[in-house]
Amino acid sequence: MIADYPARIPVVVERFSRSKLPQMEKRKYLVPCDMPVGQFIFILRSRLHLSPGTALFVFVNDTLPQTASLMGSVYDSHKDKDGFLYMCYSSEKTFG
């Protein structure tokens, strides 16, 4: 997949098991490497149809990535051995 789309990274987004947020219909994304994490979170918020007052936190390997970080750099640091970047979302800032 990376060979077919070299400027994009494969991302799997899953809901944290104890989160009260809804499940997403679409879980797999091909995200541009140069997209900031904050912009991707904005896309996730719109897909979840969250009200402005509802918090959304996205974790990568149990940590909150900086919203100014580029998805490509997060991918380089945290990609799984299967080639995907796994992200988990929750309405709570604490994980675990």
PDB file of N, CA and C in Angstrom:
ATOM      1  N   MET A   1       0.822  -1.188   0.000  1.00  0.00           N
ATOM      2  CA  MET A   1       0.000   0.000   0.000  1.00  0.00           C
ATOM      3  C   MET A   1       0.871   1.259   0.000  1.00  0.00           C
ATOM      4  N   ILE A   2       1.951   1.234   0.740  1.00  0.00           N
ATOM      5  CA  ILE A   2       2.842   2.389   0.804  1.00  0.00           C
ATOM      6  C   ILE A   2       3.494   2.621  -0.557  1.00  0.00           C
ATOM      7  N   ALA A   3       3.773   1.540  -1.287  1.00  0.00           N
ATOM      8  CA  ALA A   3       4.350   1.680  -2.621  1.00  0.00           C
ATOM      9  C   ALA A   3       3.371   2.358  -3.579  1.00  0.00           C
ATOM     10  N   ASP A   4       2.078   2.084  -3.434  1.00  0.00           N
ATOM     11  CA  ASP A   4       1.060   2.686  -4.294  1.00  0.00           C
ATOM     12  C   ASP A   4       0.790   4.145  -3.935  1.00  0.00           C
ATOM     13  N   TYR A   5       0.940   4.503  -2.677  1.00  0.00           N
ATOM     14  CA  TYR A   5       0.651   5.855  -2.182  1.00  0.00           C
ATOM     15  C   TYR A   5       1.824   6.346  -1.327  1.00  0.00           C
ATOM     16  N   PRO A   6       2.949   6.699  -1.946  1.00  0.00           N
ATOM     17  CA  PRO A   6       4.142   7.044  -1.157  1.00  0.00           C
ATOM     18  C   PRO A   6       4.001   8.304  -0.308  1.00  0.00           C
ATOM     19  N   ALA A   7       3.083   9.200  -0.646  1.00  0.00           N
ATOM     20  CA  ALA A   7       2.921  10.440   0.126  1.00  0.00           C
ATOM     21  C   ALA A   7       1.852  10.311   1.203  1.00  0.00           C
ATOM     22  N   ARG A   8       1.360   9.093   1.418  1.00  0.00           N
ATOM     23  CA  ARG A   8       0.305   8.866   2.420  1.00  0.00           C
ATOM     24  C   ARG A   8       0.715   7.740   3.359  1.00  0.00           C
ATOM     25  N   ILE A   9       0.156   7.790   4.565  1.00  0.00           N
ATOM     26  CA  ILE A   9       0.447   6.746   5.546  1.00  0.00           C
ATOM     27  C   ILE A   9      -0.845   6.033   5.928  1.00  0.00           C
ATOM     28  N   PRO A  10      -0.773   4.721   6.162  1.00  0.00           N
ATOM     29  CA  PRO A  10      -1.968   3.970   6.568  1.00  0.00           C
ATOM     30  C   PRO A  10      -2.199   4.100   8.071  1.00  0.00           C
ATOM     31  N   VAL A  11      -3.401   4.537   8.434  1.00  0.00           N
ATOM     32  CA  VAL A  11      -3.748   4.767   9.837  1.00  0.00           C
ATOM     33  C   VAL A  11      -5.014   3.991  10.173  1.00  0.00           C
ATOM     34  N   VAL A  12      -4.994   3.304  11.312  1.00  0.00           N
ATOM     35  CA  VAL A  12      -6.175   2.625  11.838  1.00  0.00           C
ATOM     36  C   VAL A  12      -6.579   3.358  13.110  1.00  0.00           C
ATOM     37  N   VAL A  13      -7.837   3.797  13.162  1.00  0.00           N
ATOM     38  CA  VAL A  13      -8.342   4.552  14.310  1.00  0.00           C
ATOM     39  C   VAL A  13      -9.374   3.700  15.033  1.00  0.00           C
ATOM     40  N   GLU A  14      -9.147   3.486  16.332  1.00  0.00           N
ATOM     41  CA  GLU A  14     -10.054   2.660  17.135  1.00  0.00           C
ATOM     42  C   GLU A  14     -10.517   3.436  18.358  1.00  0.00           C
ATOM     43  N   ARG A  15     -11.712   3.145  18.806  1.00  0.00           N
ATOM     44  CA  ARG A  15     -12.247   3.780  20.013  1.00  0.00           C
ATOM     45  C   ARG A  15     -11.679   3.073  21.238  1.00  0.00           C
ATOM     46  N   PHE A  16     -11.298   3.855  22.247  1.00  0.00           N
ATOM     47  CA  PHE A  16     -10.860   3.289  23.520  1.00  0.00           C
ATOM     48  C   PHE A  16     -12.024   2.508  24.115  1.00  0.00           C
ATOM     49  N   SER A  17     -11.763   1.334  24.627  1.00  0.00           N
ATOM     50  CA  SER A  17     -12.821   0.406  25.049  1.00  0.00           C
ATOM     51  C   SER A  17     -13.781   0.997  26.076  1.00  0.00           C
ATOM     52  N   ARG A  18     -13.304   1.866  26.968  1.00  0.00           N
ATOM     53  CA  ARG A  18     -14.178   2.421  28.006  1.00  0.00           C
ATOM     54  C   ARG A  18     -14.725   3.801  27.654  1.00  0.00           C
ATOM     55  N   SER A  19     -14.503   4.228  26.431  1.00  0.00           N
ATOM     56  CA  SER A  19     -14.977   5.549  26.016  1.00  0.00           C
ATOM     57  C   SER A  19     -16.474   5.529  25.748  1.00  0.00           C
ATOM     58  N   LYS A  20     -17.102   6.656  26.032  1.00  0.00           N
ATOM     59  CA  LYS A  20     -18.533   6.797  25.767  1.00  0.00           C
ATOM     60  C   LYS A  20     -18.798   7.396  24.386  1.00  0.00           C
ATOM     61  N   LEU A  21     -17.748   7.703  23.662  1.00  0.00           N
ATOM     62  CA  LEU A  21     -17.909   8.247  22.316  1.00  0.00           C
ATOM     63  C   LEU A  21     -18.418   7.161  21.370  1.00  0.00           C
ATOM     64  N   PRO A  22     -19.078   7.561  20.287  1.00  0.00           N
ATOM     65  CA  PRO A  22     -19.585   6.555  19.347  1.00  0.00           C
ATOM     66  C   PRO A  22     -18.465   5.873  18.563  1.00  0.00           C
ATOM     67  N   GLN A  23     -18.774   4.708  18.031  1.00  0.00           N
ATOM     68  CA  GLN A  23     -17.847   4.015  17.133  1.00  0.00           C
ATOM     69  C   GLN A  23     -17.846   4.736  15.791  1.00  0.00           C
ATOM     70  N   MET A  24     -16.729   4.705  15.123  1.00  0.00           N
ATOM     71  CA  MET A  24     -16.653   5.276  13.779  1.00  0.00           C
ATOM     72  C   MET A  24     -17.037   4.226  12.755  1.00  0.00           C
ATOM     73  N   GLU A  25     -17.710   4.664  11.709  1.00  0.00           N
ATOM     74  CA  GLU A  25     -18.027   3.739  10.626  1.00  0.00           C
ATOM     75  C   GLU A  25     -16.771   3.397   9.841  1.00  0.00           C
ATOM     76  N   LYS A  26     -15.935   4.394   9.592  1.00  0.00           N
ATOM     77  CA  LYS A  26     -14.692   4.187   8.860  1.00  0.00           C
ATOM     78  C   LYS A  26     -13.545   4.190   9.855  1.00  0.00           C
ATOM     79  N   ARG A  27     -12.735   3.132   9.824  1.00  0.00           N
ATOM     80  CA  ARG A  27     -11.632   3.013  10.783  1.00  0.00           C
ATOM     81  C   ARG A  27     -10.265   3.130  10.129  1.00  0.00           C
ATOM     82  N   LYS A  28     -10.188   2.906   8.820  1.00  0.00           N
ATOM     83  CA  LYS A  28      -8.897   2.929   8.128  1.00  0.00           C
ATOM     84  C   LYS A  28      -8.820   4.154   7.221  1.00  0.00           C
ATOM     85  N   TYR A  29      -7.674   4.821   7.295  1.00  0.00           N
ATOM     86  CA  TYR A  29      -7.470   6.047   6.530  1.00  0.00           C
ATOM     87  C   TYR A  29      -6.102   6.017   5.859  1.00  0.00           C
ATOM     88  N   LEU A  30      -6.010   6.662   4.706  1.00  0.00           N
ATOM     89  CA  LEU A  30      -4.728   6.962   4.077  1.00  0.00           C
ATOM     90  C   LEU A  30      -4.536   8.466   4.232  1.00  0.00           C
ATOM     91  N   VAL A  31      -3.631   8.836   5.099  1.00  0.00           N
ATOM     92  CA  VAL A  31      -3.476  10.228   5.514  1.00  0.00           C
ATOM     93  C   VAL A  31      -2.217  10.818   4.877  1.00  0.00           C
ATOM     94  N   PRO A  32      -2.290  12.041   4.347  1.00  0.00           N
ATOM     95  CA  PRO A  32      -1.087  12.683   3.813  1.00  0.00           C
ATOM     96  C   PRO A  32      -0.013  12.825   4.897  1.00  0.00           C
ATOM     97  N   CYS A  33       1.224  12.560   4.517  1.00  0.00           N
ATOM     98  CA  CYS A  33       2.339  12.642   5.468  1.00  0.00           C
ATOM     99  C   CYS A  33       2.503  14.038   6.051  1.00  0.00           C
ATOM    100  N   ASP A  34       2.165  15.055   5.246  1.00  0.00           N
ATOM    101  CA  ASP A  34       2.383  16.430   5.696  1.00  0.00           C
ATOM    102  C   ASP A  34       1.176  17.038   6.407  1.00  0.00           C
ATOM    103  N   MET A  35       0.182  16.222   6.746  1.00  0.00           N
ATOM    104  CA  MET A  35      -0.988  16.718   7.475  1.00  0.00           C
ATOM    105  C   MET A  35      -0.654  16.820   8.967  1.00  0.00           C
ATOM    106  N   PRO A  36      -0.940  17.961   9.596  1.00  0.00           N
ATOM    107  CA  PRO A  36      -0.737  18.058  11.044  1.00  0.00           C
ATOM    108  C   PRO A  36      -1.718  17.150  11.796  1.00  0.00           C
ATOM    109  N   VAL A  37      -1.288  16.658  12.936  1.00  0.00           N
ATOM    110  CA  VAL A  37      -2.144  15.807  13.767  1.00  0.00           C
ATOM    111  C   VAL A  37      -3.441  16.537  14.110  1.00  0.00           C
ATOM    112  N   GLY A  38      -3.359  17.819  14.400  1.00  0.00           N
ATOM    113  CA  GLY A  38      -4.548  18.594  14.741  1.00  0.00           C
ATOM    114  C   GLY A  38      -5.590  18.605  13.638  1.00  0.00           C
ATOM    115  N   GLN A  39      -5.147  18.659  12.396  1.00  0.00           N
ATOM    116  CA  GLN A  39      -6.085  18.633  11.276  1.00  0.00           C
ATOM    117  C   GLN A  39      -6.744  17.259  11.160  1.00  0.00           C
ATOM    118  N   PHE A  40      -5.979  16.199  11.398  1.00  0.00           N
ATOM    119  CA  PHE A  40      -6.553  14.854  11.362  1.00  0.00           C
ATOM    120  C   PHE A  40      -7.577  14.682  12.490  1.00  0.00           C
ATOM    121  N   ILE A  41      -7.288  15.227  13.664  1.00  0.00           N
ATOM    122  CA  ILE A  41      -8.248  15.170  14.774  1.00  0.00           C
ATOM    123  C   ILE A  41      -9.527  15.922  14.396  1.00  0.00           C
ATOM    124  N   PHE A  42      -9.392  17.046  13.701  1.00  0.00           N
ATOM    125  CA  PHE A  42     -10.567  17.791  13.234  1.00  0.00           C
ATOM    126  C   PHE A  42     -11.425  16.921  12.304  1.00  0.00           C
ATOM    127  N   ILE A  43     -10.781  16.170  11.422  1.00  0.00           N
ATOM    128  CA  ILE A  43     -11.503  15.260  10.523  1.00  0.00           C
ATOM    129  C   ILE A  43     -12.226  14.186  11.329  1.00  0.00           C
ATOM    130  N   LEU A  44     -11.548  13.630  12.330  1.00  0.00           N
ATOM    131  CA  LEU A  44     -12.178  12.607  13.173  1.00  0.00           C
ATOM    132  C   LEU A  44     -13.380  13.188  13.911  1.00  0.00           C
ATOM    133  N   ARG A  45     -13.242  14.405  14.426  1.00  0.00           N
ATOM    134  CA  ARG A  45     -14.363  15.062  15.124  1.00  0.00           C
ATOM    135  C   ARG A  45     -15.574  15.185  14.205  1.00  0.00           C
ATOM    136  N   SER A  46     -15.326  15.567  12.966  1.00  0.00           N
ATOM    137  CA  SER A  46     -16.449  15.732  12.036  1.00  0.00           C
ATOM    138  C   SER A  46     -17.077  14.387  11.687  1.00  0.00           C
ATOM    139  N   ARG A  47     -16.290  13.347  11.586  1.00  0.00           N
ATOM    140  CA  ARG A  47     -16.834  12.012  11.294  1.00  0.00           C
ATOM    141  C   ARG A  47     -17.643  11.469  12.466  1.00  0.00           C
ATOM    142  N   LEU A  48     -17.279  11.875  13.674  1.00  0.00           N
ATOM    143  CA  LEU A  48     -18.002  11.430  14.868  1.00  0.00           C
ATOM    144  C   LEU A  48     -19.217  12.314  15.170  1.00  0.00           C
ATOM    145  N   HIS A  49     -19.344  13.440  14.469  1.00  0.00           N
ATOM    146  CA  HIS A  49     -20.453  14.387  14.679  1.00  0.00           C
ATOM    147  C   HIS A  49     -20.512  14.857  16.134  1.00  0.00           C
ATOM    148  N   LEU A  50     -19.342  15.259  16.664  1.00  0.00           N
ATOM    149  CA  LEU A  50     -19.266  15.698  18.056  1.00  0.00           C
ATOM    150  C   LEU A  50     -19.694  17.152  18.194  1.00  0.00           C
ATOM    151  N   SER A  51     -20.352  17.452  19.291  1.00  0.00           N
ATOM    152  CA  SER A  51     -20.713  18.838  19.580  1.00  0.00           C
ATOM    153  C   SER A  51     -19.445  19.599  19.972  1.00  0.00           C
ATOM    154  N   PRO A  52     -19.443  20.922  19.826  1.00  0.00           N
ATOM    155  CA  PRO A  52     -18.242  21.703  20.141  1.00  0.00           C
ATOM    156  C   PRO A  52     -17.737  21.519  21.572  1.00  0.00           C
ATOM    157  N   GLY A  53     -18.612  21.227  22.521  1.00  0.00           N
ATOM    158  CA  GLY A  53     -18.198  21.073  23.909  1.00  0.00           C
ATOM    159  C   GLY A  53     -17.681  19.690  24.273  1.00  0.00           C
ATOM    160  N   THR A  54     -17.736  18.753  23.337  1.00  0.00           N
ATOM    161  CA  THR A  54     -17.285  17.386  23.613  1.00  0.00           C
ATOM    162  C   THR A  54     -15.798  17.257  23.313  1.00  0.00           C
ATOM    163  N   ALA A  55     -15.042  16.791  24.290  1.00  0.00           N
ATOM    164  CA  ALA A  55     -13.601  16.629  24.128  1.00  0.00           C
ATOM    165  C   ALA A  55     -13.289  15.382  23.305  1.00  0.00           C
ATOM    166  N   LEU A  56     -12.210  15.462  22.534  1.00  0.00           N
ATOM    167  CA  LEU A  56     -11.712  14.313  21.785  1.00  0.00           C
ATOM    168  C   LEU A  56     -10.204  14.269  21.945  1.00  0.00           C
ATOM    169  N   PHE A  57      -9.710  13.178  22.486  1.00  0.00           N
ATOM    170  CA  PHE A  57      -8.281  12.974  22.658  1.00  0.00           C
ATOM    171  C   PHE A  57      -7.869  11.771  21.837  1.00  0.00           C
ATOM    172  N   VAL A  58      -6.740  11.902  21.143  1.00  0.00           N
ATOM    173  CA  VAL A  58      -6.239  10.822  20.299  1.00  0.00           C
ATOM    174  C   VAL A  58      -4.881  10.391  20.837  1.00  0.00           C
ATOM    175  N   PHE A  59      -4.736   9.093  21.033  1.00  0.00           N
ATOM    176  CA  PHE A  59      -3.516   8.519  21.597  1.00  0.00           C
ATOM    177  C   PHE A  59      -2.793   7.673  20.558  1.00  0.00           C
ATOM    178  N   VAL A  60      -1.469   7.702  20.635  1.00  0.00           N
ATOM    179  CA  VAL A  60      -0.624   6.814  19.848  1.00  0.00           C
ATOM    180  C   VAL A  60       0.324   6.156  20.840  1.00  0.00           C
ATOM    181  N   ASN A  61       0.244   4.852  20.967  1.00  0.00           N
ATOM    182  CA  ASN A  61       1.068   4.125  21.952  1.00  0.00           C
ATOM    183  C   ASN A  61       0.940   4.741  23.347  1.00  0.00           C
ATOM    184  N   ASP A  62      -0.285   4.987  23.777  1.00  0.00           N
ATOM    185  CA  ASP A  62      -0.605   5.504  25.112  1.00  0.00           C
ATOM    186  C   ASP A  62      -0.102   6.921  25.380  1.00  0.00           C
ATOM    187  N   THR A  63       0.251   7.663  24.344  1.00  0.00           N
ATOM    188  CA  THR A  63       0.681   9.048  24.520  1.00  0.00           C
ATOM    189  C   THR A  63      -0.135   9.961  23.606  1.00  0.00           C
ATOM    190  N   LEU A  64      -0.249  11.217  24.004  1.00  0.00           N
ATOM    191  CA  LEU A  64      -0.935  12.222  23.186  1.00  0.00           C
ATOM    192  C   LEU A  64       0.078  12.881  22.256  1.00  0.00           C
ATOM    193  N   PRO A  65      -0.042  12.709  20.945  1.00  0.00           N
ATOM    194  CA  PRO A  65       0.885  13.398  20.045  1.00  0.00           C
ATOM    195  C   PRO A  65       0.573  14.895  20.018  1.00  0.00           C
ATOM    196  N   GLN A  66       1.578  15.708  19.782  1.00  0.00           N
ATOM    197  CA  GLN A  66       1.373  17.150  19.689  1.00  0.00           C
ATOM    198  C   GLN A  66       0.564  17.458  18.436  1.00  0.00           C
ATOM    199  N   THR A  67      -0.394  18.360  18.559  1.00  0.00           N
ATOM    200  CA  THR A  67      -1.269  18.658  17.423  1.00  0.00           C
ATOM    201  C   THR A  67      -0.513  19.303  16.264  1.00  0.00           C
ATOM    202  N   ALA A  68       0.611  19.938  16.534  1.00  0.00           N
ATOM    203  CA  ALA A  68       1.401  20.557  15.469  1.00  0.00           C
ATOM    204  C   ALA A  68       2.303  19.552  14.752  1.00  0.00           C
ATOM    205  N   SER A  69       2.480  18.364  15.319  1.00  0.00           N
ATOM    206  CA  SER A  69       3.318  17.342  14.691  1.00  0.00           C
ATOM    207  C   SER A  69       2.703  16.901  13.378  1.00  0.00           C
ATOM    208  N   LEU A  70       3.549  16.562  12.432  1.00  0.00           N
ATOM    209  CA  LEU A  70       3.064  16.037  11.163  1.00  0.00           C
ATOM    210  C   LEU A  70       2.793  14.545  11.295  1.00  0.00           C
ATOM    211  N   MET A  71       1.756  14.093  10.625  1.00  0.00           N
ATOM    212  CA  MET A  71       1.388  12.677  10.694  1.00  0.00           C
ATOM    213  C   MET A  71       2.544  11.788  10.247  1.00  0.00           C
ATOM    214  N   GLY A  72       3.331  12.240   9.273  1.00  0.00           N
ATOM    215  CA  GLY A  72       4.470  11.459   8.805  1.00  0.00           C
ATOM    216  C   GLY A  72       5.505  11.231   9.886  1.00  0.00           C
ATOM    217  N   SER A  73       5.774  12.241  10.703  1.00  0.00           N
ATOM    218  CA  SER A  73       6.758  12.068  11.777  1.00  0.00           C
ATOM    219  C   SER A  73       6.209  11.181  12.888  1.00  0.00           C
ATOM    220  N   VAL A  74       4.905  11.295  13.171  1.00  0.00           N
ATOM    221  CA  VAL A  74       4.285  10.404  14.165  1.00  0.00           C
ATOM    222  C   VAL A  74       4.346   8.964  13.660  1.00  0.00           C
ATOM    223  N   TYR A  75       4.087   8.789  12.373  1.00  0.00           N
ATOM    224  CA  TYR A  75       4.151   7.459  11.761  1.00  0.00           C
ATOM    225  C   TYR A  75       5.565   6.887  11.874  1.00  0.00           C
ATOM    226  N   ASP A  76       6.570   7.691  11.537  1.00  0.00           N
ATOM    227  CA  ASP A  76       7.957   7.221  11.603  1.00  0.00           C
ATOM    228  C   ASP A  76       8.340   6.793  13.015  1.00  0.00           C
ATOM    229  N   SER A  77       7.831   7.481  14.021  1.00  0.00           N
ATOM    230  CA  SER A  77       8.175   7.178  15.411  1.00  0.00           C
ATOM    231  C   SER A  77       7.367   6.036  16.014  1.00  0.00           C
ATOM    232  N   HIS A  78       6.124   5.833  15.533  1.00  0.00           N
ATOM    233  CA  HIS A  78       5.218   4.922  16.233  1.00  0.00           C
ATOM    234  C   HIS A  78       4.565   3.848  15.370  1.00  0.00           C
ATOM    235  N   LYS A  79       4.973   3.698  14.123  1.00  0.00           N
ATOM    236  CA  LYS A  79       4.303   2.704  13.279  1.00  0.00           C
ATOM    237  C   LYS A  79       4.510   1.299  13.824  1.00  0.00           C
ATOM    238  N   ASP A  80       3.509   0.465  13.608  1.00  0.00           N
ATOM    239  CA  ASP A  80       3.559  -0.923  14.036  1.00  0.00           C
ATOM    240  C   ASP A  80       4.392  -1.718  13.038  1.00  0.00           C
ATOM    241  N   LYS A  81       4.826  -2.904  13.436  1.00  0.00           N
ATOM    242  CA  LYS A  81       5.621  -3.733  12.526  1.00  0.00           C
ATOM    243  C   LYS A  81       4.823  -4.182  11.307  1.00  0.00           C
ATOM    244  N   ASP A  82       3.482  -4.101  11.371  1.00  0.00           N
ATOM    245  CA  ASP A  82       2.665  -4.446  10.203  1.00  0.00           C
ATOM    246  C   ASP A  82       2.546  -3.284   9.214  1.00  0.00           C
ATOM    247  N   GLY A  83       3.165  -2.131   9.536  1.00  0.00           N
ATOM    248  CA  GLY A  83       3.172  -0.997   8.628  1.00  0.00           C
ATOM    249  C   GLY A  83       2.065   0.012   8.856  1.00  0.00           C
ATOM    250  N   PHE A  84       1.181  -0.237   9.818  1.00  0.00           N
ATOM    251  CA  PHE A  84       0.085   0.683  10.108  1.00  0.00           C
ATOM    252  C   PHE A  84       0.411   1.521  11.339  1.00  0.00           C
ATOM    253  N   LEU A  85      -0.151   2.717  11.378  1.00  0.00           N
ATOM    254  CA  LEU A  85      -0.110   3.547  12.578  1.00  0.00           C
ATOM    255  C   LEU A  85      -1.448   3.370  13.268  1.00  0.00           C
ATOM    256  N   TYR A  86      -1.427   2.920  14.513  1.00  0.00           N
ATOM    257  CA  TYR A  86      -2.662   2.695  15.268  1.00  0.00           C
ATOM    258  C   TYR A  86      -2.902   3.865  16.209  1.00  0.00           C
ATOM    259  N   MET A  87      -4.086   4.437  16.107  1.00  0.00           N
ATOM    260  CA  MET A  87      -4.491   5.544  16.966  1.00  0.00           C
ATOM    261  C   MET A  87      -5.757   5.142  17.701  1.00  0.00           C
ATOM    262  N   CYS A  88      -5.886   5.620  18.922  1.00  0.00           N
ATOM    263  CA  CYS A  88      -7.039   5.307  19.763  1.00  0.00           C
ATOM    264  C   CYS A  88      -7.639   6.634  20.217  1.00  0.00           C
ATOM    265  N   TYR A  89      -8.968   6.743  20.183  1.00  0.00           N
ATOM    266  CA  TYR A  89      -9.609   7.992  20.589  1.00  0.00           C
ATOM    267  C   TYR A  89     -10.508   7.787  21.800  1.00  0.00           C
ATOM    268  N   SER A  90     -10.631   8.864  22.578  1.00  0.00           N
ATOM    269  CA  SER A  90     -11.417   8.826  23.806  1.00  0.00           C
ATOM    270  C   SER A  90     -11.878  10.241  24.146  1.00  0.00           C
ATOM    271  N   SER A  91     -12.847  10.331  25.035  1.00  0.00           N
ATOM    272  CA  SER A  91     -13.277  11.644  25.521  1.00  0.00           C
ATOM    273  C   SER A  91     -12.541  12.023  26.801  1.00  0.00           C
ATOM    274  N   GLU A  92     -11.703  11.133  27.298  1.00  0.00           N
ATOM    275  CA  GLU A  92     -10.928  11.371  28.518  1.00  0.00           C
ATOM    276  C   GLU A  92      -9.463  11.558  28.165  1.00  0.00           C
ATOM    277  N   LYS A  93      -8.788  12.432  28.893  1.00  0.00           N
ATOM    278  CA  LYS A  93      -7.376  12.703  28.626  1.00  0.00           C
ATOM    279  C   LYS A  93      -6.458  11.624  29.187  1.00  0.00           C
ATOM    280  N   THR A  94      -6.921  10.893  30.188  1.00  0.00           N
ATOM    281  CA  THR A  94      -6.097   9.842  30.773  1.00  0.00           C
ATOM    282  C   THR A  94      -6.372   8.532  30.069  1.00  0.00           C
ATOM    283  N   PHE A  95      -5.333   7.752  29.915  1.00  0.00           N
ATOM    284  CA  PHE A  95      -5.426   6.481  29.198  1.00  0.00           C
ATOM    285  C   PHE A  95      -5.035   5.374  30.155  1.00  0.00           C
ATOM    286  N   GLY A  96      -5.840   4.339  30.202  1.00  0.00           N
ATOM    287  CA  GLY A  96      -5.496   3.177  31.026  1.00  0.00           C
ATOM    288  C   GLY A  96      -6.219   3.120  32.337  1.00  0.00           C
TER     289      GLY A  96
END
